[in-house]
Amino acid sequence: MLEEFDDKIFNALVEKIEVLSPTHFVFVLKSGMIVEEIKDIDKI
């Protein structure tokens, strides 16, 4: 789960972020890897 990050490292790794809903994100990394994050609404 992504909670804290260094801006420079994050920007060097992440190509784009797709927000599918307020609790559902897709991170497309510059390497081509896709990382999907779904937050549990009860834990926000």
Protein backbone atom coordinates (compact mmCIF):
# COMPACT_ATOMS: atom_id res chain seq x y z
CA MET A 1 0.00 0.00 0.00
CA LEU A 2 1.33 3.40 -0.96
CA GLU A 3 1.30 5.71 2.04
CA GLU A 4 4.52 7.73 1.97
CA PHE A 5 6.97 8.42 -0.83
CA ASP A 6 9.80 10.67 -1.90
CA ASP A 7 8.59 12.97 -4.70
CA LYS A 8 11.77 12.63 -6.77
CA ILE A 9 11.78 8.83 -6.61
CA PHE A 10 8.05 8.67 -7.30
CA ASN A 11 8.33 10.96 -10.33
CA ALA A 12 11.30 8.97 -11.65
CA LEU A 13 9.33 5.71 -11.51
CA VAL A 14 5.73 6.61 -12.35
CA GLU A 15 4.66 7.39 -15.93
CA LYS A 16 1.00 8.11 -15.15
CA ILE A 17 -1.76 7.55 -12.62
CA GLU A 18 -5.27 6.63 -13.68
CA VAL A 19 -7.95 7.40 -11.10
CA LEU A 20 -10.82 5.02 -11.75
CA SER A 21 -12.74 6.04 -8.62
CA PRO A 22 -11.88 7.82 -5.35
CA THR A 23 -10.67 4.49 -3.96
CA HIS A 24 -9.30 2.80 -7.10
CA PHE A 25 -6.01 3.88 -8.72
CA VAL A 26 -3.85 2.38 -11.46
CA PHE A 27 -0.18 3.37 -11.53
CA VAL A 28 1.63 2.87 -14.84
CA LEU A 29 5.37 2.71 -14.19
CA LYS A 30 7.98 3.85 -16.68
CA SER A 31 9.18 0.23 -16.86
CA GLY A 32 5.76 -0.72 -18.27
CA MET A 33 4.61 -2.45 -15.10
CA ILE A 34 1.04 -1.70 -13.97
CA VAL A 35 0.24 -1.49 -10.25
CA GLU A 36 -3.38 -1.37 -9.15
CA GLU A 37 -4.36 0.03 -5.74
CA ILE A 38 -7.83 -0.37 -4.28
CA LYS A 39 -8.41 1.26 -0.90
CA ASP A 40 -10.89 -0.16 1.55
CA ILE A 41 -13.36 2.69 2.09
CA ASP A 42 -13.83 1.62 5.73
CA LYS A 43 -10.12 2.24 6.45
CA ILE A 44 -9.93 5.78 5.03
